[in-house]
Amino acid sequence: MGRIAGIPNKLTSEVKEKLQTLVEGVVDTLDITEMTIDQKLKLLQITSQYILPRLKSIYTEKVKDEDLPLFID
């Protein structure tokens, strides 16, 4: 019998906690004042995908396929 639906996976939770602790430790040791511009830009590029929500294409209403006049008199 597997785990009951709705109960989080224990192993996944433990791995996430350990990774969170590891990332926090690494971030705390970074000295941004000693980084080059290239390093700062790369840091922004990598971390922004986890911080900012991704933009999804906006679905627009489908326009009826009808021939419209090219020029209006």
PDB file of N, CA and C in Angstrom:
ATOM      1  N   MET A   1       0.847  -1.184   0.000  1.00  0.00           N
ATOM      2  CA  MET A   1       0.000   0.000   0.000  1.00  0.00           C
ATOM      3  C   MET A   1       0.886   1.238   0.000  1.00  0.00           C
ATOM      4  N   GLY A   2       0.602   2.165  -0.885  1.00  0.00           N
ATOM      5  CA  GLY A   2       1.359   3.398  -0.992  1.00  0.00           C
ATOM      6  C   GLY A   2       0.874   4.439  -0.002  1.00  0.00           C
ATOM      7  N   ARG A   3       1.366   5.639  -0.164  1.00  0.00           N
ATOM      8  CA  ARG A   3       0.941   6.704   0.746  1.00  0.00           C
ATOM      9  C   ARG A   3      -0.468   7.162   0.388  1.00  0.00           C
ATOM     10  N   ILE A   4      -1.127   7.736   1.351  1.00  0.00           N
ATOM     11  CA  ILE A   4      -2.493   8.205   1.168  1.00  0.00           C
ATOM     12  C   ILE A   4      -2.476   9.503   0.359  1.00  0.00           C
ATOM     13  N   ALA A   5      -3.439   9.644  -0.530  1.00  0.00           N
ATOM     14  CA  ALA A   5      -3.520  10.849  -1.363  1.00  0.00           C
ATOM     15  C   ALA A   5      -3.636  12.094  -0.488  1.00  0.00           C
ATOM     16  N   GLY A   6      -2.905  13.123  -0.861  1.00  0.00           N
ATOM     17  CA  GLY A   6      -2.956  14.379  -0.115  1.00  0.00           C
ATOM     18  C   GLY A   6      -1.842  14.522   0.906  1.00  0.00           C
ATOM     19  N   ILE A   7      -1.175  13.427   1.251  1.00  0.00           N
ATOM     20  CA  ILE A   7      -0.068  13.479   2.208  1.00  0.00           C
ATOM     21  C   ILE A   7       1.218  13.657   1.412  1.00  0.00           C
ATOM     22  N   PRO A   8       2.014  14.698   1.724  1.00  0.00           N
ATOM     23  CA  PRO A   8       3.243  14.950   0.963  1.00  0.00           C
ATOM     24  C   PRO A   8       4.233  13.789   1.088  1.00  0.00           C
ATOM     25  N   ASN A   9       5.025  13.610   0.046  1.00  0.00           N
ATOM     26  CA  ASN A   9       6.058  12.594   0.033  1.00  0.00           C
ATOM     27  C   ASN A   9       7.142  12.999   1.028  1.00  0.00           C
ATOM     28  N   LYS A  10       7.460  12.128   1.970  1.00  0.00           N
ATOM     29  CA  LYS A  10       8.414  12.441   3.031  1.00  0.00           C
ATOM     30  C   LYS A  10       9.819  12.658   2.464  1.00  0.00           C
ATOM     31  N   LEU A  11      10.227  11.806   1.547  1.00  0.00           N
ATOM     32  CA  LEU A  11      11.559  11.927   0.971  1.00  0.00           C
ATOM     33  C   LEU A  11      11.710  13.244   0.208  1.00  0.00           C
ATOM     34  N   THR A  12      10.705  13.615  -0.569  1.00  0.00           N
ATOM     35  CA  THR A  12      10.744  14.871  -1.321  1.00  0.00           C
ATOM     36  C   THR A  12      10.840  16.060  -0.376  1.00  0.00           C
ATOM     37  N   SER A  13      10.089  16.022   0.714  1.00  0.00           N
ATOM     38  CA  SER A  13      10.126  17.115   1.686  1.00  0.00           C
ATOM     39  C   SER A  13      11.506  17.241   2.314  1.00  0.00           C
ATOM     40  N   GLU A  14      12.109  16.123   2.651  1.00  0.00           N
ATOM     41  CA  GLU A  14      13.438  16.145   3.269  1.00  0.00           C
ATOM     42  C   GLU A  14      14.491  16.682   2.303  1.00  0.00           C
ATOM     43  N   VAL A  15      14.415  16.256   1.059  1.00  0.00           N
ATOM     44  CA  VAL A  15      15.377  16.722   0.053  1.00  0.00           C
ATOM     45  C   VAL A  15      15.222  18.226  -0.160  1.00  0.00           C
ATOM     46  N   LYS A  16      13.986  18.706  -0.242  1.00  0.00           N
ATOM     47  CA  LYS A  16      13.748  20.140  -0.426  1.00  0.00           C
ATOM     48  C   LYS A  16      14.306  20.942   0.738  1.00  0.00           C
ATOM     49  N   GLU A  17      14.113  20.461   1.952  1.00  0.00           N
ATOM     50  CA  GLU A  17      14.628  21.166   3.135  1.00  0.00           C
ATOM     51  C   GLU A  17      16.148  21.230   3.110  1.00  0.00           C
ATOM     52  N   LYS A  18      16.803  20.110   2.769  1.00  0.00           N
ATOM     53  CA  LYS A  18      18.264  20.086   2.737  1.00  0.00           C
ATOM     54  C   LYS A  18      18.800  21.000   1.641  1.00  0.00           C
ATOM     55  N   LEU A  19      18.152  20.994   0.475  1.00  0.00           N
ATOM     56  CA  LEU A  19      18.573  21.890  -0.594  1.00  0.00           C
ATOM     57  C   LEU A  19      18.381  23.347  -0.208  1.00  0.00           C
ATOM     58  N   GLN A  20      17.273  23.649   0.469  1.00  0.00           N
ATOM     59  CA  GLN A  20      17.014  25.023   0.925  1.00  0.00           C
ATOM     60  C   GLN A  20      18.101  25.477   1.889  1.00  0.00           C
ATOM     61  N   THR A  21      18.480  24.602   2.810  1.00  0.00           N
ATOM     62  CA  THR A  21      19.536  24.928   3.771  1.00  0.00           C
ATOM     63  C   THR A  21      20.863  25.150   3.052  1.00  0.00           C
ATOM     64  N   LEU A  22      21.169  24.288   2.089  1.00  0.00           N
ATOM     65  CA  LEU A  22      22.406  24.411   1.323  1.00  0.00           C
ATOM     66  C   LEU A  22      22.448  25.721   0.544  1.00  0.00           C
ATOM     67  N   VAL A  23      21.371  26.047  -0.138  1.00  0.00           N
ATOM     68  CA  VAL A  23      21.312  27.278  -0.934  1.00  0.00           C
ATOM     69  C   VAL A  23      21.443  28.501  -0.040  1.00  0.00           C
ATOM     70  N   GLU A  24      20.756  28.505   1.092  1.00  0.00           N
ATOM     71  CA  GLU A  24      20.858  29.637   2.016  1.00  0.00           C
ATOM     72  C   GLU A  24      22.282  29.817   2.507  1.00  0.00           C
ATOM     73  N   GLY A  25      22.966  28.713   2.781  1.00  0.00           N
ATOM     74  CA  GLY A  25      24.354  28.792   3.233  1.00  0.00           C
ATOM     75  C   GLY A  25      25.266  29.368   2.173  1.00  0.00           C
ATOM     76  N   VAL A  26      25.064  28.945   0.934  1.00  0.00           N
ATOM     77  CA  VAL A  26      25.893  29.452  -0.164  1.00  0.00           C
ATOM     78  C   VAL A  26      25.614  30.928  -0.403  1.00  0.00           C
ATOM     79  N   VAL A  27      24.362  31.316  -0.392  1.00  0.00           N
ATOM     80  CA  VAL A  27      24.000  32.717  -0.618  1.00  0.00           C
ATOM     81  C   VAL A  27      24.578  33.604   0.475  1.00  0.00           C
ATOM     82  N   ASP A  28      24.565  33.125   1.698  1.00  0.00           N
ATOM     83  CA  ASP A  28      25.107  33.915   2.808  1.00  0.00           C
ATOM     84  C   ASP A  28      26.612  34.147   2.669  1.00  0.00           C
ATOM     85  N   THR A  29      27.317  33.249   1.975  1.00  0.00           N
ATOM     86  CA  THR A  29      28.766  33.407   1.839  1.00  0.00           C
ATOM     87  C   THR A  29      29.165  34.252   0.635  1.00  0.00           C
ATOM     88  N   LEU A  30      28.218  34.572  -0.249  1.00  0.00           N
ATOM     89  CA  LEU A  30      28.541  35.382  -1.424  1.00  0.00           C
ATOM     90  C   LEU A  30      28.826  36.825  -1.027  1.00  0.00           C
ATOM     91  N   ASP A  31      29.885  37.356  -1.578  1.00  0.00           N
ATOM     92  CA  ASP A  31      30.205  38.766  -1.370  1.00  0.00           C
ATOM     93  C   ASP A  31      30.032  39.461  -2.715  1.00  0.00           C
ATOM     94  N   ILE A  32      28.915  40.095  -2.894  1.00  0.00           N
ATOM     95  CA  ILE A  32      28.568  40.694  -4.174  1.00  0.00           C
ATOM     96  C   ILE A  32      29.525  41.833  -4.539  1.00  0.00           C
ATOM     97  N   THR A  33      30.083  42.500  -3.539  1.00  0.00           N
ATOM     98  CA  THR A  33      30.990  43.616  -3.830  1.00  0.00           C
ATOM     99  C   THR A  33      32.268  43.148  -4.522  1.00  0.00           C
ATOM    100  N   GLU A  34      32.616  41.880  -4.372  1.00  0.00           N
ATOM    101  CA  GLU A  34      33.832  41.360  -5.004  1.00  0.00           C
ATOM    102  C   GLU A  34      33.554  40.702  -6.358  1.00  0.00           C
ATOM    103  N   MET A  35      32.296  40.658  -6.767  1.00  0.00           N
ATOM    104  CA  MET A  35      31.949  40.028  -8.046  1.00  0.00           C
ATOM    105  C   MET A  35      32.172  40.990  -9.200  1.00  0.00           C
ATOM    106  N   THR A  36      32.505  40.423 -10.353  1.00  0.00           N
ATOM    107  CA  THR A  36      32.629  41.234 -11.567  1.00  0.00           C
ATOM    108  C   THR A  36      31.224  41.502 -12.097  1.00  0.00           C
ATOM    109  N   ILE A  37      31.133  42.423 -13.034  1.00  0.00           N
ATOM    110  CA  ILE A  37      29.838  42.726 -13.654  1.00  0.00           C
ATOM    111  C   ILE A  37      29.272  41.472 -14.323  1.00  0.00           C
ATOM    112  N   ASP A  38      30.135  40.713 -15.015  1.00  0.00           N
ATOM    113  CA  ASP A  38      29.684  39.487 -15.686  1.00  0.00           C
ATOM    114  C   ASP A  38      29.117  38.484 -14.686  1.00  0.00           C
ATOM    115  N   GLN A  39      29.765  38.339 -13.550  1.00  0.00           N
ATOM    116  CA  GLN A  39      29.288  37.410 -12.525  1.00  0.00           C
ATOM    117  C   GLN A  39      27.951  37.865 -11.945  1.00  0.00           C
ATOM    118  N   LYS A  40      27.809  39.166 -11.741  1.00  0.00           N
ATOM    119  CA  LYS A  40      26.551  39.697 -11.209  1.00  0.00           C
ATOM    120  C   LYS A  40      25.406  39.472 -12.196  1.00  0.00           C
ATOM    121  N   LEU A  41      25.678  39.712 -13.487  1.00  0.00           N
ATOM    122  CA  LEU A  41      24.656  39.501 -14.505  1.00  0.00           C
ATOM    123  C   LEU A  41      24.261  38.029 -14.605  1.00  0.00           C
ATOM    124  N   LYS A  42      25.225  37.149 -14.521  1.00  0.00           N
ATOM    125  CA  LYS A  42      24.942  35.715 -14.577  1.00  0.00           C
ATOM    126  C   LYS A  42      24.118  35.297 -13.357  1.00  0.00           C
ATOM    127  N   LEU A  43      24.423  35.835 -12.202  1.00  0.00           N
ATOM    128  CA  LEU A  43      23.660  35.546 -10.990  1.00  0.00           C
ATOM    129  C   LEU A  43      22.213  36.009 -11.146  1.00  0.00           C
ATOM    130  N   LEU A  44      22.020  37.209 -11.685  1.00  0.00           N
ATOM    131  CA  LEU A  44      20.668  37.716 -11.929  1.00  0.00           C
ATOM    132  C   LEU A  44      19.921  36.855 -12.939  1.00  0.00           C
ATOM    133  N   GLN A  45      20.631  36.451 -13.982  1.00  0.00           N
ATOM    134  CA  GLN A  45      20.010  35.635 -15.025  1.00  0.00           C
ATOM    135  C   GLN A  45      19.533  34.294 -14.459  1.00  0.00           C
ATOM    136  N   ILE A  46      20.346  33.665 -13.667  1.00  0.00           N
ATOM    137  CA  ILE A  46      19.999  32.349 -13.131  1.00  0.00           C
ATOM    138  C   ILE A  46      18.904  32.453 -12.080  1.00  0.00           C
ATOM    139  N   THR A  47      19.025  33.395 -11.177  1.00  0.00           N
ATOM    140  CA  THR A  47      18.071  33.463 -10.064  1.00  0.00           C
ATOM    141  C   THR A  47      16.726  34.064 -10.455  1.00  0.00           C
ATOM    142  N   SER A  48      16.704  34.921 -11.471  1.00  0.00           N
ATOM    143  CA  SER A  48      15.438  35.566 -11.831  1.00  0.00           C
ATOM    144  C   SER A  48      14.402  34.565 -12.323  1.00  0.00           C
ATOM    145  N   GLN A  49      14.833  33.470 -12.939  1.00  0.00           N
ATOM    146  CA  GLN A  49      13.866  32.484 -13.411  1.00  0.00           C
ATOM    147  C   GLN A  49      13.171  31.756 -12.262  1.00  0.00           C
ATOM    148  N   TYR A  50      13.751  31.811 -11.086  1.00  0.00           N
ATOM    149  CA  TYR A  50      13.122  31.183  -9.925  1.00  0.00           C
ATOM    150  C   TYR A  50      12.338  32.186  -9.080  1.00  0.00           C
ATOM    151  N   ILE A  51      12.599  33.451  -9.289  1.00  0.00           N
ATOM    152  CA  ILE A  51      11.954  34.484  -8.485  1.00  0.00           C
ATOM    153  C   ILE A  51      10.752  35.085  -9.202  1.00  0.00           C
ATOM    154  N   LEU A  52      10.929  35.408 -10.477  1.00  0.00           N
ATOM    155  CA  LEU A  52       9.866  36.060 -11.243  1.00  0.00           C
ATOM    156  C   LEU A  52       8.958  35.015 -11.882  1.00  0.00           C
ATOM    157  N   PRO A  53       7.666  35.272 -11.893  1.00  0.00           N
ATOM    158  CA  PRO A  53       6.769  34.319 -12.562  1.00  0.00           C
ATOM    159  C   PRO A  53       6.986  34.366 -14.070  1.00  0.00           C
ATOM    160  N   ARG A  54       6.853  33.223 -14.697  1.00  0.00           N
ATOM    161  CA  ARG A  54       7.008  33.171 -16.141  1.00  0.00           C
ATOM    162  C   ARG A  54       5.777  33.739 -16.819  1.00  0.00           C
ATOM    163  N   LEU A  55       6.006  34.461 -17.895  1.00  0.00           N
ATOM    164  CA  LEU A  55       4.900  35.035 -18.644  1.00  0.00           C
ATOM    165  C   LEU A  55       4.335  33.980 -19.587  1.00  0.00           C
ATOM    166  N   LYS A  56       3.029  33.888 -19.630  1.00  0.00           N
ATOM    167  CA  LYS A  56       2.375  32.966 -20.539  1.00  0.00           C
ATOM    168  C   LYS A  56       1.727  33.774 -21.645  1.00  0.00           C
ATOM    169  N   SER A  57       1.629  33.162 -22.790  1.00  0.00           N
ATOM    170  CA  SER A  57       0.989  33.879 -23.891  1.00  0.00           C
ATOM    171  C   SER A  57      -0.478  34.090 -23.554  1.00  0.00           C
ATOM    172  N   ILE A  58      -0.980  35.219 -23.964  1.00  0.00           N
ATOM    173  CA  ILE A  58      -2.359  35.579 -23.676  1.00  0.00           C
ATOM    174  C   ILE A  58      -3.234  35.065 -24.807  1.00  0.00           C
ATOM    175  N   TYR A  59      -4.267  34.358 -24.456  1.00  0.00           N
ATOM    176  CA  TYR A  59      -5.189  33.833 -25.449  1.00  0.00           C
ATOM    177  C   TYR A  59      -6.168  34.931 -25.809  1.00  0.00           C
ATOM    178  N   THR A  60      -6.199  35.280 -27.074  1.00  0.00           N
ATOM    179  CA  THR A  60      -7.144  36.296 -27.524  1.00  0.00           C
ATOM    180  C   THR A  60      -8.318  35.601 -28.184  1.00  0.00           C
ATOM    181  N   GLU A  61      -9.452  36.271 -28.158  1.00  0.00           N
ATOM    182  CA  GLU A  61     -10.631  35.689 -28.778  1.00  0.00           C
ATOM    183  C   GLU A  61     -10.377  35.479 -30.256  1.00  0.00           C
ATOM    184  N   LYS A  62     -10.821  34.358 -30.722  1.00  0.00           N
ATOM    185  CA  LYS A  62     -10.618  34.040 -32.129  1.00  0.00           C
ATOM    186  C   LYS A  62     -11.517  34.934 -32.985  1.00  0.00           C
ATOM    187  N   VAL A  63     -10.887  35.620 -33.903  1.00  0.00           N
ATOM    188  CA  VAL A  63     -11.626  36.499 -34.805  1.00  0.00           C
ATOM    189  C   VAL A  63     -12.203  35.638 -35.913  1.00  0.00           C
ATOM    190  N   LYS A  64     -13.433  35.928 -36.275  1.00  0.00           N
ATOM    191  CA  LYS A  64     -14.076  35.175 -37.346  1.00  0.00           C
ATOM    192  C   LYS A  64     -13.273  35.336 -38.625  1.00  0.00           C
ATOM    193  N   ASP A  65     -13.121  34.233 -39.316  1.00  0.00           N
ATOM    194  CA  ASP A  65     -12.395  34.261 -40.579  1.00  0.00           C
ATOM    195  C   ASP A  65     -13.321  34.764 -41.674  1.00  0.00           C
ATOM    196  N   GLU A  66     -13.332  36.046 -41.872  1.00  0.00           N
ATOM    197  CA  GLU A  66     -14.134  36.625 -42.937  1.00  0.00           C
ATOM    198  C   GLU A  66     -13.274  37.612 -43.701  1.00  0.00           C
ATOM    199  N   ASP A  67     -13.573  37.721 -44.965  1.00  0.00           N
ATOM    200  CA  ASP A  67     -12.825  38.645 -45.811  1.00  0.00           C
ATOM    201  C   ASP A  67     -13.271  40.071 -45.525  1.00  0.00           C
ATOM    202  N   LEU A  68     -12.342  40.897 -45.140  1.00  0.00           N
ATOM    203  CA  LEU A  68     -12.610  42.312 -44.902  1.00  0.00           C
ATOM    204  C   LEU A  68     -12.032  43.113 -46.050  1.00  0.00           C
ATOM    205  N   PRO A  69     -12.656  44.220 -46.390  1.00  0.00           N
ATOM    206  CA  PRO A  69     -12.108  45.028 -47.479  1.00  0.00           C
ATOM    207  C   PRO A  69     -10.739  45.571 -47.106  1.00  0.00           C
ATOM    208  N   LEU A  70      -9.869  45.584 -48.077  1.00  0.00           N
ATOM    209  CA  LEU A  70      -8.530  46.069 -47.854  1.00  0.00           C
ATOM    210  C   LEU A  70      -8.495  47.585 -47.709  1.00  0.00           C
ATOM    211  N   PHE A  71      -9.364  48.251 -48.478  1.00  0.00           N
ATOM    212  CA  PHE A  71      -9.448  49.708 -48.420  1.00  0.00           C
ATOM    213  C   PHE A  71     -10.879  50.103 -48.087  1.00  0.00           C
ATOM    214  N   ILE A  72     -11.015  51.150 -47.310  1.00  0.00           N
ATOM    215  CA  ILE A  72     -12.343  51.657 -46.982  1.00  0.00           C
ATOM    216  C   ILE A  72     -12.579  52.921 -47.800  1.00  0.00           C
ATOM    217  N   ASP A  73     -13.726  52.972 -48.505  1.00  0.00           N
ATOM    218  CA  ASP A  73     -14.039  54.136 -49.333  1.00  0.00           C
ATOM    219  C   ASP A  73     -14.528  55.280 -48.505  1.00  0.00           C
TER     220      ASP A  73
END
